[in-house]
N, C-alpha and C. Protein backbone atom coordinates (compact mmCIF):
# COMPACT_ATOMS: atom_id res chain seq x y z
N UNK A 1 0.84 -1.16 0.00
CA UNK A 1 0.00 0.00 0.00
C UNK A 1 0.89 1.23 0.00
N UNK A 2 0.55 2.15 -0.86
CA UNK A 2 1.34 3.37 -0.88
C UNK A 2 0.62 4.46 -0.11
N UNK A 3 1.41 5.34 0.44
CA UNK A 3 0.88 6.46 1.18
C UNK A 3 1.87 7.59 1.03
N UNK A 4 1.39 8.80 0.74
CA UNK A 4 2.28 9.91 0.47
C UNK A 4 2.69 10.66 1.71
N UNK A 5 2.34 10.20 2.89
CA UNK A 5 2.77 10.87 4.12
C UNK A 5 4.27 10.74 4.28
N UNK A 6 4.90 11.80 4.76
CA UNK A 6 6.35 11.75 4.96
C UNK A 6 6.73 10.72 6.01
N UNK A 7 5.79 10.40 6.91
CA UNK A 7 6.10 9.39 7.93
C UNK A 7 6.22 8.00 7.33
N UNK A 8 5.75 7.81 6.09
CA UNK A 8 5.84 6.52 5.42
C UNK A 8 6.91 6.56 4.33
N UNK A 9 7.86 7.47 4.45
CA UNK A 9 8.90 7.62 3.45
C UNK A 9 9.80 6.39 3.44
N UNK A 10 10.39 6.08 2.28
CA UNK A 10 11.31 4.94 2.20
C UNK A 10 12.40 5.05 3.25
N UNK A 11 12.76 3.93 3.81
CA UNK A 11 13.79 3.90 4.84
C UNK A 11 13.24 4.05 6.24
N UNK A 12 11.97 4.42 6.35
CA UNK A 12 11.35 4.60 7.66
C UNK A 12 10.33 3.51 7.94
N UNK A 13 10.15 2.60 7.00
CA UNK A 13 9.14 1.56 7.15
C UNK A 13 9.73 0.33 7.82
N UNK A 14 8.97 -0.25 8.72
CA UNK A 14 9.32 -1.55 9.25
C UNK A 14 8.01 -2.31 9.37
N UNK A 15 8.07 -3.59 9.20
CA UNK A 15 6.87 -4.41 9.24
C UNK A 15 6.34 -4.51 10.66
N UNK A 16 5.02 -4.46 10.76
CA UNK A 16 4.36 -4.60 12.05
C UNK A 16 3.09 -5.41 11.81
N UNK A 17 2.76 -6.24 12.78
CA UNK A 17 1.54 -7.04 12.67
C UNK A 17 0.39 -6.33 13.37
N UNK A 18 -0.73 -6.20 12.65
CA UNK A 18 -1.96 -5.68 13.22
C UNK A 18 -3.04 -6.74 13.03
N UNK A 19 -4.19 -6.52 13.63
CA UNK A 19 -5.30 -7.46 13.52
C UNK A 19 -6.51 -6.69 12.99
N UNK A 20 -7.09 -7.19 11.90
CA UNK A 20 -8.29 -6.57 11.34
C UNK A 20 -9.39 -7.62 11.29
N UNK A 21 -10.47 -7.35 12.00
CA UNK A 21 -11.60 -8.30 12.09
C UNK A 21 -11.13 -9.70 12.46
N UNK A 22 -10.19 -9.76 13.41
CA UNK A 22 -9.71 -11.04 13.92
C UNK A 22 -8.62 -11.70 13.10
N UNK A 23 -8.25 -11.12 11.96
CA UNK A 23 -7.24 -11.70 11.09
C UNK A 23 -5.92 -10.93 11.21
N UNK A 24 -4.82 -11.62 11.54
CA UNK A 24 -3.53 -10.93 11.60
C UNK A 24 -3.06 -10.53 10.19
N UNK A 25 -2.54 -9.32 10.09
CA UNK A 25 -2.05 -8.79 8.82
C UNK A 25 -0.74 -8.06 9.11
N UNK A 26 0.25 -8.29 8.27
CA UNK A 26 1.53 -7.59 8.42
C UNK A 26 1.56 -6.45 7.40
N UNK A 27 1.87 -5.25 7.88
CA UNK A 27 1.95 -4.08 7.02
C UNK A 27 3.27 -3.36 7.26
N UNK A 28 3.63 -2.48 6.34
CA UNK A 28 4.85 -1.68 6.47
C UNK A 28 4.51 -0.20 6.41
N UNK A 29 3.63 0.23 7.30
CA UNK A 29 3.21 1.62 7.36
C UNK A 29 3.35 2.12 8.78
N UNK A 30 3.69 3.40 8.93
CA UNK A 30 3.70 4.01 10.26
C UNK A 30 2.34 4.58 10.60
N UNK A 31 1.56 4.92 9.56
CA UNK A 31 0.18 5.39 9.73
C UNK A 31 -0.70 4.58 8.79
N UNK A 32 -1.96 4.43 9.16
CA UNK A 32 -2.91 3.73 8.31
C UNK A 32 -4.20 4.54 8.25
N UNK A 33 -4.75 4.64 7.07
CA UNK A 33 -5.94 5.46 6.86
C UNK A 33 -7.21 4.61 6.94
N UNK A 34 -8.31 5.29 7.11
CA UNK A 34 -9.63 4.65 7.07
C UNK A 34 -9.76 3.82 5.80
N UNK A 35 -9.43 4.42 4.66
CA UNK A 35 -9.57 3.74 3.38
C UNK A 35 -8.70 2.48 3.30
N UNK A 36 -7.49 2.55 3.82
CA UNK A 36 -6.60 1.38 3.79
C UNK A 36 -7.13 0.27 4.69
N UNK A 37 -7.63 0.62 5.86
CA UNK A 37 -8.19 -0.39 6.77
C UNK A 37 -9.40 -1.06 6.13
N UNK A 38 -10.29 -0.27 5.52
CA UNK A 38 -11.48 -0.83 4.88
C UNK A 38 -11.08 -1.79 3.76
N UNK A 39 -10.11 -1.41 2.93
CA UNK A 39 -9.69 -2.28 1.82
C UNK A 39 -9.01 -3.56 2.32
N UNK A 40 -8.31 -3.49 3.45
CA UNK A 40 -7.73 -4.70 4.02
C UNK A 40 -8.82 -5.60 4.60
N UNK A 41 -9.84 -5.00 5.20
CA UNK A 41 -10.93 -5.77 5.81
C UNK A 41 -11.85 -6.38 4.76
N UNK A 42 -12.11 -5.63 3.70
CA UNK A 42 -13.04 -6.06 2.65
C UNK A 42 -12.42 -5.80 1.28
N UNK A 43 -11.47 -6.64 0.86
CA UNK A 43 -10.76 -6.41 -0.40
C UNK A 43 -11.69 -6.37 -1.62
N UNK A 44 -12.81 -7.06 -1.55
CA UNK A 44 -13.74 -7.11 -2.68
C UNK A 44 -14.81 -6.02 -2.58
N UNK A 45 -14.80 -5.22 -1.51
CA UNK A 45 -15.80 -4.17 -1.34
C UNK A 45 -17.07 -4.71 -0.72
N UNK A 46 -18.15 -4.02 -0.82
CA UNK A 46 -18.38 -2.84 -1.65
C UNK A 46 -17.75 -1.60 -1.04
N UNK A 47 -17.42 -0.64 -1.90
CA UNK A 47 -16.79 0.59 -1.44
C UNK A 47 -17.71 1.80 -1.53
N UNK A 48 -18.96 1.55 -1.92
CA UNK A 48 -19.93 2.64 -2.01
C UNK A 48 -20.82 2.72 -0.77
N UNK A 49 -20.40 2.08 0.30
CA UNK A 49 -21.13 2.14 1.57
C UNK A 49 -20.19 2.71 2.63
N UNK A 50 -20.75 3.11 3.74
CA UNK A 50 -19.95 3.62 4.85
C UNK A 50 -19.65 2.49 5.83
N UNK A 51 -18.44 2.46 6.32
CA UNK A 51 -18.02 1.46 7.29
C UNK A 51 -17.73 2.15 8.62
N UNK A 52 -17.99 1.44 9.70
CA UNK A 52 -17.59 1.89 11.03
C UNK A 52 -16.26 1.22 11.34
N UNK A 53 -15.25 2.01 11.65
CA UNK A 53 -13.91 1.49 11.93
C UNK A 53 -13.52 1.90 13.35
N UNK A 54 -13.40 0.92 14.23
CA UNK A 54 -12.94 1.14 15.60
C UNK A 54 -11.59 0.47 15.76
N UNK A 55 -10.74 1.06 16.60
CA UNK A 55 -9.44 0.43 16.85
C UNK A 55 -9.09 0.49 18.32
N UNK A 56 -8.23 -0.44 18.71
CA UNK A 56 -7.75 -0.51 20.09
C UNK A 56 -6.26 -0.84 20.05
N UNK A 57 -5.52 -0.23 20.98
CA UNK A 57 -4.10 -0.49 21.11
C UNK A 57 -3.70 -0.37 22.57
N UNK A 58 -2.74 -1.12 22.99
CA UNK A 58 -2.30 -1.02 24.38
C UNK A 58 -1.30 0.10 24.56
N UNK A 59 -0.87 0.75 23.46
CA UNK A 59 0.14 1.81 23.53
C UNK A 59 -0.44 3.22 23.45
N UNK A 60 -1.72 3.36 23.39
CA UNK A 60 -2.30 4.69 23.26
C UNK A 60 -3.81 4.60 23.38
N UNK A 61 -4.48 5.70 23.11
CA UNK A 61 -5.94 5.69 23.25
C UNK A 61 -6.61 4.88 22.15
N UNK A 62 -7.76 4.29 22.49
CA UNK A 62 -8.58 3.62 21.50
C UNK A 62 -9.34 4.70 20.74
N UNK A 63 -9.89 4.35 19.58
CA UNK A 63 -10.60 5.37 18.83
C UNK A 63 -11.36 4.83 17.65
N UNK A 64 -11.78 5.74 16.81
CA UNK A 64 -12.50 5.42 15.59
C UNK A 64 -11.86 6.17 14.43
N UNK A 65 -12.07 5.64 13.23
CA UNK A 65 -11.62 6.32 12.01
C UNK A 65 -12.83 6.57 11.13
N UNK A 66 -12.84 7.71 10.47
CA UNK A 66 -13.85 8.01 9.46
C UNK A 66 -13.13 8.40 8.18
N UNK A 67 -13.88 8.51 7.09
CA UNK A 67 -13.28 8.84 5.79
C UNK A 67 -12.35 10.04 5.93
N UNK A 68 -11.14 9.88 5.36
CA UNK A 68 -10.16 10.96 5.39
C UNK A 68 -9.25 10.97 6.59
N UNK A 69 -9.52 10.15 7.61
CA UNK A 69 -8.68 10.13 8.81
C UNK A 69 -7.67 8.98 8.74
N UNK A 70 -6.62 9.11 9.54
CA UNK A 70 -5.63 8.05 9.69
C UNK A 70 -5.17 8.04 11.14
N UNK A 71 -4.46 6.97 11.50
CA UNK A 71 -3.93 6.85 12.85
C UNK A 71 -2.55 6.21 12.80
N UNK A 72 -1.76 6.48 13.81
CA UNK A 72 -0.44 5.87 13.93
C UNK A 72 -0.61 4.38 14.19
N UNK A 73 0.24 3.57 13.57
CA UNK A 73 0.17 2.12 13.70
C UNK A 73 1.04 1.67 14.87
N UNK A 74 0.49 0.77 15.68
CA UNK A 74 1.22 0.17 16.79
C UNK A 74 1.17 -1.35 16.65
N UNK A 75 2.22 -2.01 17.10
CA UNK A 75 2.27 -3.46 17.10
C UNK A 75 1.05 -4.03 17.82
N UNK A 76 0.44 -5.06 17.20
CA UNK A 76 -0.72 -5.77 17.77
C UNK A 76 -1.97 -4.89 17.87
N UNK A 77 -2.00 -3.79 17.14
CA UNK A 77 -3.18 -2.93 17.11
C UNK A 77 -4.33 -3.74 16.52
N UNK A 78 -5.53 -3.52 17.03
CA UNK A 78 -6.69 -4.29 16.59
C UNK A 78 -7.75 -3.36 16.01
N UNK A 79 -8.25 -3.71 14.82
CA UNK A 79 -9.30 -2.94 14.14
C UNK A 79 -10.53 -3.80 13.96
N UNK A 80 -11.69 -3.21 14.18
CA UNK A 80 -12.97 -3.85 13.86
C UNK A 80 -13.63 -2.98 12.80
N UNK A 81 -13.97 -3.61 11.68
CA UNK A 81 -14.57 -2.89 10.57
C UNK A 81 -15.88 -3.56 10.22
N UNK A 82 -16.98 -2.78 10.28
CA UNK A 82 -18.29 -3.31 9.94
C UNK A 82 -19.02 -2.30 9.06
N UNK A 83 -19.94 -2.83 8.24
CA UNK A 83 -20.78 -1.93 7.45
C UNK A 83 -21.65 -1.15 8.40
N UNK A 84 -21.75 0.14 8.16
CA UNK A 84 -22.53 1.01 9.02
C UNK A 84 -23.89 1.27 8.37
N UNK A 85 -24.89 1.48 9.20
CA UNK A 85 -26.20 1.82 8.68
C UNK A 85 -26.39 3.33 8.64
N UNK A 86 -25.30 4.07 8.90
CA UNK A 86 -25.34 5.53 8.88
C UNK A 86 -24.39 6.05 7.82
N UNK A 87 -24.69 7.19 7.30
CA UNK A 87 -23.81 7.78 6.28
C UNK A 87 -22.97 8.90 6.85
């Protein structure tokens, strides 16, 4: 996955394992966006619906992501992604 953030510049990436909907995934990003999490959770889509994205980490506050937002990636970070009934 490409990301134009300077924090994801070449030479600054290291692999980290996260969990999305119970499935371990290894990524090489320092930050991950709502859109990237949704595509990892549902590679086949649909992408014309809104998803609720919640995350938890033992290294910082838990939270949610919405379209256009991103969060710093931490080892063993856990994401839950579900189709939302709200837009």
